[in-house]
Amino acid sequence: MIAQTPLPPYYAVIFTSTLKTASLGYEKMSELMIDLAKKQDGYLGIEHARSAIGITISYWQDLSSIQNWRQNTEHQLAQKKGIKEWYKDYQIRICKVEQAHLFSSQ
């Protein structure tokens, strides 16, 4: 589902990853982290897809909201578990969204 974000400017955190072959518990933790992110101040929305490469884009009001999410204790524990058990590799990019255009046939 495409996130319904406000008019720019706002920020996007792009998390791109590949998983190790054994990824038991990953889906459940991913769902828990999405639910937790939705409760954070400054959270605006999320989009994600997974095949050989997983891409999760979360949208935030400002950089301090992203920093607070990064420092969330439960999120930090999930990050450590991800590094230890699930991720083969990952990259995080933070971008300022200055323009956004939506098309919907509905």
C-alpha atoms as a PDB file:
ATOM      1  CA  MET A   1       0.000   0.000   0.000  1.00  0.00           C
ATOM      2  CA  ILE A   2       1.269   3.470  -0.835  1.00  0.00           C
ATOM      3  CA  ALA A   3       1.739   5.652   2.254  1.00  0.00           C
ATOM      4  CA  GLN A   4      -0.447   8.743   2.419  1.00  0.00           C
ATOM      5  CA  THR A   5       2.098  11.389   3.352  1.00  0.00           C
ATOM      6  CA  PRO A   6       1.524  15.121   3.856  1.00  0.00           C
ATOM      7  CA  LEU A   7       2.766  17.800   1.495  1.00  0.00           C
ATOM      8  CA  PRO A   8       6.584  18.063   1.488  1.00  0.00           C
ATOM      9  CA  PRO A   9       8.990  18.736   2.936  1.00  0.00           C
ATOM     10  CA  TYR A  10       9.474  15.654   5.100  1.00  0.00           C
ATOM     11  CA  TYR A  11      12.077  12.895   5.345  1.00  0.00           C
ATOM     12  CA  ALA A  12      12.370   9.337   4.077  1.00  0.00           C
ATOM     13  CA  VAL A  13      14.498   6.576   5.578  1.00  0.00           C
ATOM     14  CA  ILE A  14      15.260   3.957   2.941  1.00  0.00           C
ATOM     15  CA  PHE A  15      16.313   0.608   4.416  1.00  0.00           C
ATOM     16  CA  THR A  16      17.539  -1.874   1.804  1.00  0.00           C
ATOM     17  CA  SER A  17      18.569  -5.372   2.869  1.00  0.00           C
ATOM     18  CA  THR A  18      19.298  -8.937   1.903  1.00  0.00           C
ATOM     19  CA  LEU A  19      18.646 -11.792   4.307  1.00  0.00           C
ATOM     20  CA  LYS A  20      20.706 -14.799   5.279  1.00  0.00           C
ATOM     21  CA  THR A  21      19.138 -18.096   4.254  1.00  0.00           C
ATOM     22  CA  ALA A  22      17.898 -18.792   7.788  1.00  0.00           C
ATOM     23  CA  SER A  23      15.546 -15.973   8.758  1.00  0.00           C
ATOM     24  CA  LEU A  24      13.175 -17.572  11.266  1.00  0.00           C
ATOM     25  CA  GLY A  25      11.248 -14.944  13.196  1.00  0.00           C
ATOM     26  CA  TYR A  26      12.138 -12.125  10.800  1.00  0.00           C
ATOM     27  CA  GLU A  27       8.582 -11.535   9.516  1.00  0.00           C
ATOM     28  CA  LYS A  28       7.141 -11.310  13.022  1.00  0.00           C
ATOM     29  CA  MET A  29       9.852  -8.889  14.173  1.00  0.00           C
ATOM     30  CA  SER A  30       9.333  -6.794  11.047  1.00  0.00           C
ATOM     31  CA  GLU A  31       5.608  -6.509  11.816  1.00  0.00           C
ATOM     32  CA  LEU A  32       6.350  -5.583  15.443  1.00  0.00           C
ATOM     33  CA  MET A  33       8.776  -2.843  14.353  1.00  0.00           C
ATOM     34  CA  ILE A  34       6.241  -1.415  11.887  1.00  0.00           C
ATOM     35  CA  ASP A  35       3.613  -1.314  14.640  1.00  0.00           C
ATOM     36  CA  LEU A  36       6.111   0.334  17.008  1.00  0.00           C
ATOM     37  CA  ALA A  37       7.209   2.912  14.407  1.00  0.00           C
ATOM     38  CA  LYS A  38       3.572   3.921  13.871  1.00  0.00           C
ATOM     39  CA  LYS A  39       3.413   4.963  17.535  1.00  0.00           C
ATOM     40  CA  GLN A  40       6.472   7.256  17.344  1.00  0.00           C
ATOM     41  CA  ASP A  41       6.162  11.035  17.265  1.00  0.00           C
ATOM     42  CA  GLY A  42       6.829  12.341  13.783  1.00  0.00           C
ATOM     43  CA  TYR A  43       5.956   9.086  11.989  1.00  0.00           C
ATOM     44  CA  LEU A  44       4.145   9.722   8.693  1.00  0.00           C
ATOM     45  CA  GLY A  45       3.915   6.353   6.933  1.00  0.00           C
ATOM     46  CA  ILE A  46       5.709   3.283   5.591  1.00  0.00           C
ATOM     47  CA  GLU A  47       6.026   1.251   2.408  1.00  0.00           C
ATOM     48  CA  HIS A  48       7.834  -2.065   2.053  1.00  0.00           C
ATOM     49  CA  ALA A  49       8.472  -4.928  -0.319  1.00  0.00           C
ATOM     50  CA  ARG A  50      10.611  -8.046  -0.127  1.00  0.00           C
ATOM     51  CA  SER A  51      11.933 -10.424  -2.740  1.00  0.00           C
ATOM     52  CA  ALA A  52      15.658 -11.102  -3.177  1.00  0.00           C
ATOM     53  CA  ILE A  53      16.178  -7.558  -1.862  1.00  0.00           C
ATOM     54  CA  GLY A  54      13.975  -6.015   0.813  1.00  0.00           C
ATOM     55  CA  ILE A  55      13.153  -2.323   0.690  1.00  0.00           C
ATOM     56  CA  THR A  56      11.404  -0.474   3.488  1.00  0.00           C
ATOM     57  CA  ILE A  57      10.813   3.253   3.246  1.00  0.00           C
ATOM     58  CA  SER A  58       9.562   5.019   6.332  1.00  0.00           C
ATOM     59  CA  TYR A  59       8.498   8.652   6.268  1.00  0.00           C
ATOM     60  CA  TRP A  60       9.152  11.114   9.071  1.00  0.00           C
ATOM     61  CA  GLN A  61       8.268  14.686   9.903  1.00  0.00           C
ATOM     62  CA  ASP A  62      11.847  15.750  10.659  1.00  0.00           C
ATOM     63  CA  LEU A  63      15.371  14.544  11.399  1.00  0.00           C
ATOM     64  CA  SER A  64      14.841  14.554  15.170  1.00  0.00           C
ATOM     65  CA  SER A  65      11.930  12.111  14.739  1.00  0.00           C
ATOM     66  CA  ILE A  66      14.251   9.795  12.816  1.00  0.00           C
ATOM     67  CA  GLN A  67      16.903  10.097  15.524  1.00  0.00           C
ATOM     68  CA  ASN A  68      14.359   9.296  18.245  1.00  0.00           C
ATOM     69  CA  TRP A  69      13.208   6.217  16.303  1.00  0.00           C
ATOM     70  CA  ARG A  70      16.824   5.134  15.859  1.00  0.00           C
ATOM     71  CA  GLN A  71      17.380   5.402  19.615  1.00  0.00           C
ATOM     72  CA  ASN A  72      14.178   3.583  20.608  1.00  0.00           C
ATOM     73  CA  THR A  73      15.225   0.739  22.925  1.00  0.00           C
ATOM     74  CA  GLU A  74      13.027  -1.931  21.318  1.00  0.00           C
ATOM     75  CA  HIS A  75      14.179  -0.849  17.862  1.00  0.00           C
ATOM     76  CA  GLN A  76      17.824  -1.076  18.944  1.00  0.00           C
ATOM     77  CA  LEU A  77      17.281  -4.616  20.246  1.00  0.00           C
ATOM     78  CA  ALA A  78      15.680  -5.600  16.924  1.00  0.00           C
ATOM     79  CA  GLN A  79      18.624  -4.048  15.050  1.00  0.00           C
ATOM     80  CA  LYS A  80      21.131  -6.104  17.049  1.00  0.00           C
ATOM     81  CA  LYS A  81      19.122  -9.281  16.496  1.00  0.00           C
ATOM     82  CA  GLY A  82      18.904  -8.477  12.782  1.00  0.00           C
ATOM     83  CA  ILE A  83      22.675  -8.086  12.488  1.00  0.00           C
ATOM     84  CA  LYS A  84      23.284 -11.291  14.431  1.00  0.00           C
ATOM     85  CA  GLU A  85      20.592 -13.530  12.920  1.00  0.00           C
ATOM     86  CA  TRP A  86      18.890 -12.214   9.776  1.00  0.00           C
ATOM     87  CA  TYR A  87      20.770  -9.729   7.626  1.00  0.00           C
ATOM     88  CA  LYS A  88      23.403 -10.688   5.115  1.00  0.00           C
ATOM     89  CA  ASP A  89      23.819  -6.957   4.477  1.00  0.00           C
ATOM     90  CA  TYR A  90      21.875  -3.721   4.585  1.00  0.00           C
ATOM     91  CA  GLN A  91      22.110  -0.041   3.820  1.00  0.00           C
ATOM     92  CA  ILE A  92      20.258   2.927   5.271  1.00  0.00           C
ATOM     93  CA  ARG A  93      19.744   6.164   3.370  1.00  0.00           C
ATOM     94  CA  ILE A  94      18.060   9.285   4.732  1.00  0.00           C
ATOM     95  CA  CYS A  95      16.598  11.711   2.218  1.00  0.00           C
ATOM     96  CA  LYS A  96      14.681  14.965   2.345  1.00  0.00           C
ATOM     97  CA  VAL A  97      11.525  14.741   0.236  1.00  0.00           C
ATOM     98  CA  GLU A  98      11.042  18.066  -1.483  1.00  0.00           C
ATOM     99  CA  GLN A  99       8.444  17.048  -4.066  1.00  0.00           C
ATOM    100  CA  ALA A 100       5.856  14.280  -4.202  1.00  0.00           C
ATOM    101  CA  HIS A 101       3.344  13.441  -6.910  1.00  0.00           C
ATOM    102  CA  LEU A 102       0.555  10.875  -6.565  1.00  0.00           C
ATOM    103  CA  PHE A 103      -1.428   9.130  -9.286  1.00  0.00           C
ATOM    104  CA  SER A 104      -4.386   6.959  -8.393  1.00  0.00           C
ATOM    105  CA  SER A 105      -6.908   5.452 -10.796  1.00  0.00           C
ATOM    106  CA  GLN A 106      -9.390   4.940  -7.969  1.00  0.00           C
END
